[in-house]
Protein backbone atom coordinates (compact mmCIF):
# COMPACT_ATOMS: atom_id res chain seq x y z
CA MET A 1 -25.71 3.79 8.88
CA ASP A 2 -26.68 2.13 5.63
CA ASP A 3 -23.89 0.09 3.93
CA ALA A 4 -24.12 2.40 0.92
CA ASP A 5 -23.28 5.35 3.20
CA ASP A 6 -20.38 3.62 4.97
CA PRO A 7 -17.21 5.29 3.59
CA VAL A 8 -14.98 2.33 4.45
CA ARG A 9 -17.30 -0.07 2.62
CA VAL A 10 -17.48 2.25 -0.39
CA LEU A 11 -13.67 2.59 -0.50
CA SER A 12 -13.16 -1.15 -0.09
CA THR A 13 -15.64 -1.91 -2.87
CA ARG A 14 -13.93 0.60 -5.20
CA LEU A 15 -10.53 -0.85 -4.32
CA ALA A 16 -11.65 -4.39 -5.10
CA ALA A 17 -13.33 -3.32 -8.38
CA THR A 18 -10.29 -1.35 -9.53
CA GLY A 19 -7.93 -4.19 -8.63
CA GLN A 20 -10.14 -6.54 -10.62
CA ALA A 21 -10.19 -4.13 -13.61
CA LEU A 22 -6.43 -3.50 -13.54
CA LEU A 23 -5.22 -7.00 -12.76
CA GLY A 24 -8.12 -9.24 -13.72
CA ARG A 25 -8.18 -10.82 -10.26
CA SER A 26 -8.34 -10.02 -6.56
CA LEU A 27 -5.76 -7.69 -5.11
CA ALA A 28 -2.92 -9.04 -2.93
CA VAL A 29 -1.04 -6.78 -0.52
CA ARG A 30 2.25 -7.66 1.21
CA HIS A 31 3.01 -5.62 4.30
CA VAL A 32 6.61 -5.04 5.39
CA ASP A 33 7.44 -3.32 8.66
CA ALA A 34 10.78 -1.61 8.02
CA GLY A 35 11.13 -0.44 11.62
CA SER A 36 7.98 1.07 13.08
CA CYS A 37 6.44 1.65 16.50
CA GLY A 38 3.45 -0.54 15.63
CA GLY A 39 0.82 2.20 15.24
CA CYS A 40 0.53 1.82 11.47
CA GLU A 41 0.24 -1.95 11.83
CA ILE A 42 -2.74 -1.51 14.16
CA GLU A 43 -4.47 0.63 11.53
CA ILE A 44 -3.66 -1.85 8.74
CA GLY A 45 -5.13 -4.58 10.93
CA ALA A 46 -8.22 -2.42 11.35
CA CYS A 47 -8.54 -2.21 7.55
CA ARG A 48 -8.78 -5.99 7.52
CA ARG A 49 -11.25 -6.30 10.37
CA LEU A 50 -13.65 -3.46 9.66
CA ARG A 51 -17.09 -4.49 8.46
CA GLY A 52 -16.90 -3.99 4.72
CA GLY A 53 -13.12 -3.62 4.85
CA MET A 54 -10.45 -5.28 2.74
CA ALA A 55 -11.18 -8.88 3.72
CA ALA A 56 -14.89 -8.51 2.96
CA GLN A 57 -14.00 -7.45 -0.59
CA GLY A 58 -11.56 -10.31 -1.18
CA ILE A 59 -8.45 -8.15 -0.83
CA ALA A 60 -5.84 -10.26 0.91
CA LEU A 61 -2.77 -9.47 2.96
CA VAL A 62 -0.36 -12.15 1.76
CA ASP A 63 2.83 -13.61 3.20
CA ASP A 64 4.35 -14.62 -0.15
CA ILE A 65 5.92 -11.60 -1.86
CA ARG A 66 5.65 -13.38 -5.23
CA ALA A 67 1.86 -13.28 -4.92
CA ALA A 68 1.72 -9.56 -4.05
CA ASP A 69 0.59 -6.68 -6.24
CA ILE A 70 1.24 -3.98 -3.66
CA LEU A 71 4.17 -3.71 -1.26
CA LEU A 72 2.86 -1.75 1.73
CA VAL A 73 5.79 -0.50 3.80
CA THR A 74 5.51 1.05 7.25
CA GLY A 75 8.19 2.41 9.53
CA VAL A 76 11.46 4.18 8.93
CA ALA A 77 14.01 2.86 6.49
CA THR A 78 16.71 1.50 8.76
CA ARG A 79 20.16 0.32 7.76
CA ASN A 80 19.39 -3.16 9.12
CA LEU A 81 16.19 -3.65 7.09
CA ALA A 82 17.06 -1.80 3.85
CA GLU A 83 18.22 -4.97 2.09
CA ALA A 84 15.08 -6.88 3.15
CA VAL A 85 12.90 -4.12 1.67
CA ARG A 86 14.92 -4.16 -1.59
CA LYS A 87 14.64 -7.95 -1.83
CA SER A 88 10.90 -7.77 -1.16
CA LEU A 89 10.43 -5.42 -4.11
CA ALA A 90 12.72 -7.50 -6.33
CA GLY A 91 10.61 -10.59 -5.61
CA MET A 92 7.43 -9.01 -6.97
CA ALA A 93 6.25 -9.47 -10.54
CA PRO A 94 5.04 -6.45 -12.52
CA PRO A 95 2.72 -4.67 -12.43
CA ARG A 96 3.72 -3.89 -8.87
CA PHE A 97 3.18 -0.88 -6.67
CA VAL A 98 4.96 0.39 -3.57
CA VAL A 99 3.05 2.29 -0.90
CA ALA A 100 4.76 3.99 2.04
CA ALA A 101 2.26 4.41 4.89
CA GLY A 102 2.80 6.61 7.92
CA ASP A 103 4.98 9.63 8.63
CA CYS A 104 8.00 7.46 9.47
CA ALA A 105 7.81 5.75 6.07
CA LEU A 106 7.54 9.15 4.37
CA ASP A 107 10.65 10.81 5.79
CA GLY A 108 11.78 9.08 8.97
CA GLY A 109 9.22 10.86 11.16
CA VAL A 110 10.33 11.50 14.71
CA PHE A 111 13.34 9.22 14.13
CA LYS A 112 14.74 11.34 11.29
CA GLY A 113 18.45 11.95 11.77
CA ALA A 114 19.07 9.01 14.10
CA PRO A 115 22.22 7.05 13.14
CA PRO A 116 20.51 3.77 12.13
CA VAL A 117 17.81 5.60 10.11
CA LEU A 118 18.26 6.21 6.39
CA GLY A 119 15.04 8.24 6.22
CA GLY A 120 11.79 7.31 4.55
CA VAL A 121 11.20 4.30 2.34
CA GLN A 122 12.13 6.37 -0.74
CA ALA A 123 15.71 6.34 0.51
CA VAL A 124 15.75 2.59 -0.24
CA ILE A 125 13.27 1.87 -3.07
CA PRO A 126 11.07 3.90 -5.44
CA VAL A 127 7.62 4.61 -3.99
CA ASP A 128 4.40 5.01 -5.98
CA LEU A 129 2.24 6.41 -3.18
CA LEU A 130 2.89 8.16 0.12
CA ILE A 131 0.16 8.06 2.80
CA ALA A 132 0.79 10.57 5.58
CA GLY A 133 -0.36 10.22 9.16
CA CYS A 134 0.91 9.11 12.52
CA PRO A 135 -0.64 6.65 12.07
CA PRO A 136 -2.85 7.00 8.99
CA SER A 137 -6.45 5.95 9.56
CA PRO A 138 -7.96 2.93 7.81
CA ARG A 139 -9.96 5.35 5.67
CA GLN A 140 -6.76 7.15 4.59
CA ILE A 141 -5.05 3.84 3.77
CA LEU A 142 -7.99 2.56 1.70
CA ALA A 143 -8.48 5.93 -0.05
CA GLY A 144 -4.79 6.02 -0.96
CA LEU A 145 -4.86 2.50 -2.40
CA VAL A 146 -8.01 3.33 -4.38
CA ALA A 147 -6.45 6.50 -5.81
CA LEU A 148 -3.25 4.66 -6.79
CA LEU A 149 -5.05 1.81 -8.55
CA GLU A 150 -7.64 4.03 -10.23
CA ALA A 151 -4.89 6.28 -11.63
CA ASN A 152 -2.99 3.27 -12.95
CA ALA A 153 -6.15 1.68 -14.37
CA ARG A 154 -6.82 4.92 -16.31
CA GLU A 155 -3.23 4.90 -17.60
CA ALA A 156 -3.55 1.28 -18.68
CA ARG A 157 -6.80 2.02 -20.55
CA VAL A 158 -5.16 4.95 -22.34
CA ARG A 159 -2.16 2.81 -23.34
CA ARG A 160 -4.48 0.08 -24.68
CA THR A 161 -6.51 2.55 -26.77
CA GLU A 162 -3.60 4.54 -28.22
CA PRO A 163 -2.82 3.66 -31.87
CA HIS A 164 0.49 1.88 -32.37
CA ALA A 165 3.12 3.81 -34.30
């Protein structure tokens, strides 16, 4: 398969270009596991390792929340980790985006209703994008991030071109 036909490479390139257009620099993603089985983390790791994936485009998974543009949360929102997720979001500078990846992060998944589970990530913090799947594929994750950033880049262009009142 030619690189131009590789959907992961195309998505990664669009993600990097949109991050550059919106932020003026490379995109930084902070991943927080709020209480998952590990399936989503395997797919996020695959996004990093795929030929033409995130790392090849200069998109970094960062450890320092202050350097992050996107908070990528996987797993159910548990009582024990709710405060850590809130503090993670509070530590980010705007513009910042929150992405909930995986069915558990959407609504609690198979753990919905369990005593330590509050539900999906939206039960703890506002979420900008929900990516369904158990687990979502690398293609779904990259496509979701591209859609989120492209929508926000369009909004930012509109705000910059609107006449001031």
